[in-house]
């Protein structure tokens, strides 16, 4: 099934995150920067998430952001180029309800992933 999210679609090791974060910036939005390695990768697209406590102090907020990003990636994974993608939260979200935050994160994730898929 092309829309599943197996363990092979995630970054696990710190070295995998480090390689992607040291690479090039692929896309930028109001809340996130998406980074990937400089060299061409083979295999399916893989996802890594960095959601620091500094920008999202509540665990509920951090977990909601990660859940929404995983779902957006899962649905668009088949359209994305091969390689590792790391979404890094770089700005504190505006104070809002959790539902509004999820909508804002999903809209930005869809926009960034669409931009990456077109490249």
C-alpha atoms as a PDB file:
ATOM      1  CA  UNK A   1       0.000   0.000   0.000  1.00  0.00           C
ATOM      2  CA  UNK A   2       1.597   3.329  -1.007  1.00  0.00           C
ATOM      3  CA  UNK A   3       0.104   5.350   1.835  1.00  0.00           C
ATOM      4  CA  UNK A   4       1.424   3.378   4.808  1.00  0.00           C
ATOM      5  CA  UNK A   5       4.135   4.617   7.151  1.00  0.00           C
ATOM      6  CA  UNK A   6       6.500   1.728   7.951  1.00  0.00           C
ATOM      7  CA  UNK A   7       9.599   1.909  10.093  1.00  0.00           C
ATOM      8  CA  UNK A   8      11.703   2.095   6.916  1.00  0.00           C
ATOM      9  CA  UNK A   9      10.080   5.480   6.159  1.00  0.00           C
ATOM     10  CA  UNK A  10      11.525   7.103   9.309  1.00  0.00           C
ATOM     11  CA  UNK A  11      14.924   8.331  10.372  1.00  0.00           C
ATOM     12  CA  UNK A  12      16.131   6.496  13.472  1.00  0.00           C
ATOM     13  CA  UNK A  13      19.823   7.152  14.121  1.00  0.00           C
ATOM     14  CA  UNK A  14      21.363  10.447  15.185  1.00  0.00           C
ATOM     15  CA  UNK A  15      23.822  10.109  12.297  1.00  0.00           C
ATOM     16  CA  UNK A  16      20.915  10.078   9.824  1.00  0.00           C
ATOM     17  CA  UNK A  17      19.524  13.270  11.339  1.00  0.00           C
ATOM     18  CA  UNK A  18      22.956  14.890  11.369  1.00  0.00           C
ATOM     19  CA  UNK A  19      23.543  14.141   7.687  1.00  0.00           C
ATOM     20  CA  UNK A  20      20.178  15.609   6.714  1.00  0.00           C
ATOM     21  CA  UNK A  21      20.541  18.685   8.929  1.00  0.00           C
ATOM     22  CA  UNK A  22      24.051  19.419   7.643  1.00  0.00           C
ATOM     23  CA  UNK A  23      22.755  19.182   4.089  1.00  0.00           C
ATOM     24  CA  UNK A  24      20.835  21.742   2.131  1.00  0.00           C
ATOM     25  CA  UNK A  25      17.656  23.558   3.054  1.00  0.00           C
ATOM     26  CA  UNK A  26      14.964  22.230   0.741  1.00  0.00           C
ATOM     27  CA  UNK A  27      11.998  24.387   1.782  1.00  0.00           C
ATOM     28  CA  UNK A  28      11.067  26.978   4.380  1.00  0.00           C
ATOM     29  CA  UNK A  29       7.757  28.056   5.816  1.00  0.00           C
ATOM     30  CA  UNK A  30       6.564  30.248   8.668  1.00  0.00           C
ATOM     31  CA  UNK A  31       7.023  27.458  11.226  1.00  0.00           C
ATOM     32  CA  UNK A  32       9.299  24.860   9.627  1.00  0.00           C
ATOM     33  CA  UNK A  33      12.525  24.398   7.718  1.00  0.00           C
ATOM     34  CA  UNK A  34      12.860  21.195   5.705  1.00  0.00           C
ATOM     35  CA  UNK A  35      16.419  19.947   5.263  1.00  0.00           C
ATOM     36  CA  UNK A  36      17.931  17.086   3.322  1.00  0.00           C
ATOM     37  CA  UNK A  37      21.360  15.651   2.559  1.00  0.00           C
ATOM     38  CA  UNK A  38      23.488  17.187  -0.178  1.00  0.00           C
ATOM     39  CA  UNK A  39      24.223  13.933  -1.997  1.00  0.00           C
ATOM     40  CA  UNK A  40      21.659  12.103  -4.075  1.00  0.00           C
ATOM     41  CA  UNK A  41      19.928   9.368  -2.125  1.00  0.00           C
ATOM     42  CA  UNK A  42      18.458   6.112  -3.222  1.00  0.00           C
ATOM     43  CA  UNK A  43      15.446   4.383  -1.791  1.00  0.00           C
ATOM     44  CA  UNK A  44      12.136   5.794  -0.629  1.00  0.00           C
ATOM     45  CA  UNK A  45      11.596   9.152   1.032  1.00  0.00           C
ATOM     46  CA  UNK A  46      12.157   9.059   4.799  1.00  0.00           C
ATOM     47  CA  UNK A  47      10.986  11.481   7.480  1.00  0.00           C
ATOM     48  CA  UNK A  48      12.659  12.925  10.560  1.00  0.00           C
ATOM     49  CA  UNK A  49      11.099  15.423  12.958  1.00  0.00           C
ATOM     50  CA  UNK A  50      12.730  17.951  15.282  1.00  0.00           C
ATOM     51  CA  UNK A  51      10.209  19.727  17.496  1.00  0.00           C
ATOM     52  CA  UNK A  52      12.130  21.402  20.339  1.00  0.00           C
ATOM     53  CA  UNK A  53      10.651  22.209  23.712  1.00  0.00           C
ATOM     54  CA  UNK A  54      11.920  25.778  23.304  1.00  0.00           C
ATOM     55  CA  UNK A  55       9.351  26.448  20.544  1.00  0.00           C
ATOM     56  CA  UNK A  56       6.553  24.175  21.788  1.00  0.00           C
ATOM     57  CA  UNK A  57       6.780  23.976  25.587  1.00  0.00           C
ATOM     58  CA  UNK A  58       3.786  21.678  26.122  1.00  0.00           C
ATOM     59  CA  UNK A  59       4.143  17.973  25.320  1.00  0.00           C
ATOM     60  CA  UNK A  60       0.574  17.964  23.988  1.00  0.00           C
ATOM     61  CA  UNK A  61       1.542  20.611  21.444  1.00  0.00           C
ATOM     62  CA  UNK A  62       4.762  18.850  20.396  1.00  0.00           C
ATOM     63  CA  UNK A  63       2.990  15.522  19.974  1.00  0.00           C
ATOM     64  CA  UNK A  64       0.133  17.064  17.979  1.00  0.00           C
ATOM     65  CA  UNK A  65       2.588  18.776  15.631  1.00  0.00           C
ATOM     66  CA  UNK A  66       4.490  15.523  15.071  1.00  0.00           C
ATOM     67  CA  UNK A  67       1.289  13.550  14.500  1.00  0.00           C
ATOM     68  CA  UNK A  68       0.060  16.023  11.865  1.00  0.00           C
ATOM     69  CA  UNK A  69       3.445  16.099  10.088  1.00  0.00           C
ATOM     70  CA  UNK A  70       3.629  12.294   9.982  1.00  0.00           C
ATOM     71  CA  UNK A  71       0.140  12.076   8.497  1.00  0.00           C
ATOM     72  CA  UNK A  72       0.863  14.706   5.841  1.00  0.00           C
ATOM     73  CA  UNK A  73       4.100  12.902   4.908  1.00  0.00           C
ATOM     74  CA  UNK A  74       2.380   9.517   4.851  1.00  0.00           C
ATOM     75  CA  UNK A  75      -0.237  10.705   2.378  1.00  0.00           C
ATOM     76  CA  UNK A  76       2.276  12.374   0.025  1.00  0.00           C
ATOM     77  CA  UNK A  77       5.169   9.924   0.400  1.00  0.00           C
ATOM     78  CA  UNK A  78       4.644   8.265  -2.972  1.00  0.00           C
ATOM     79  CA  UNK A  79       4.985  11.636  -4.773  1.00  0.00           C
ATOM     80  CA  UNK A  80       8.178  12.704  -2.982  1.00  0.00           C
ATOM     81  CA  UNK A  81      11.677  12.216  -4.372  1.00  0.00           C
ATOM     82  CA  UNK A  82      14.002   9.666  -2.769  1.00  0.00           C
ATOM     83  CA  UNK A  83      15.977  10.890   0.227  1.00  0.00           C
ATOM     84  CA  UNK A  84      15.736  11.970   3.817  1.00  0.00           C
ATOM     85  CA  UNK A  85      13.623  14.942   4.894  1.00  0.00           C
ATOM     86  CA  UNK A  86      13.896  16.539   8.317  1.00  0.00           C
ATOM     87  CA  UNK A  87      11.156  18.939   9.397  1.00  0.00           C
ATOM     88  CA  UNK A  88      12.528  21.293  12.054  1.00  0.00           C
ATOM     89  CA  UNK A  89      10.238  23.633  13.996  1.00  0.00           C
ATOM     90  CA  UNK A  90      12.005  27.012  14.016  1.00  0.00           C
ATOM     91  CA  UNK A  91       9.327  29.389  15.322  1.00  0.00           C
ATOM     92  CA  UNK A  92       6.907  29.317  18.193  1.00  0.00           C
ATOM     93  CA  UNK A  93       3.334  28.865  16.904  1.00  0.00           C
ATOM     94  CA  UNK A  94       0.866  31.617  17.687  1.00  0.00           C
ATOM     95  CA  UNK A  95      -1.297  30.958  20.753  1.00  0.00           C
ATOM     96  CA  UNK A  96      -4.346  29.114  19.477  1.00  0.00           C
ATOM     97  CA  UNK A  97      -6.504  26.130  20.234  1.00  0.00           C
ATOM     98  CA  UNK A  98      -5.083  22.714  19.429  1.00  0.00           C
ATOM     99  CA  UNK A  99      -7.500  22.353  16.514  1.00  0.00           C
ATOM    100  CA  UNK A 100      -6.368  25.641  14.986  1.00  0.00           C
ATOM    101  CA  UNK A 101      -2.722  24.676  15.506  1.00  0.00           C
ATOM    102  CA  UNK A 102      -3.270  21.349  13.737  1.00  0.00           C
ATOM    103  CA  UNK A 103      -4.907  23.135  10.792  1.00  0.00           C
ATOM    104  CA  UNK A 104      -2.036  25.619  10.562  1.00  0.00           C
ATOM    105  CA  UNK A 105       0.611  22.878  10.719  1.00  0.00           C
ATOM    106  CA  UNK A 106      -1.225  20.722   8.171  1.00  0.00           C
ATOM    107  CA  UNK A 107      -1.616  23.596   5.709  1.00  0.00           C
ATOM    108  CA  UNK A 108       2.078  24.457   5.932  1.00  0.00           C
ATOM    109  CA  UNK A 109       3.166  20.803   5.744  1.00  0.00           C
ATOM    110  CA  UNK A 110       1.043  20.214   2.634  1.00  0.00           C
ATOM    111  CA  UNK A 111       2.459  23.345   1.012  1.00  0.00           C
ATOM    112  CA  UNK A 112       6.074  22.424   1.787  1.00  0.00           C
ATOM    113  CA  UNK A 113       5.680  18.796   0.729  1.00  0.00           C
ATOM    114  CA  UNK A 114       3.966  19.900  -2.489  1.00  0.00           C
ATOM    115  CA  UNK A 115       6.867  22.209  -3.216  1.00  0.00           C
ATOM    116  CA  UNK A 116       9.349  19.376  -2.601  1.00  0.00           C
ATOM    117  CA  UNK A 117       7.368  16.990  -4.812  1.00  0.00           C
ATOM    118  CA  UNK A 118       7.495  19.474  -7.715  1.00  0.00           C
ATOM    119  CA  UNK A 119      11.288  19.822  -7.532  1.00  0.00           C
END
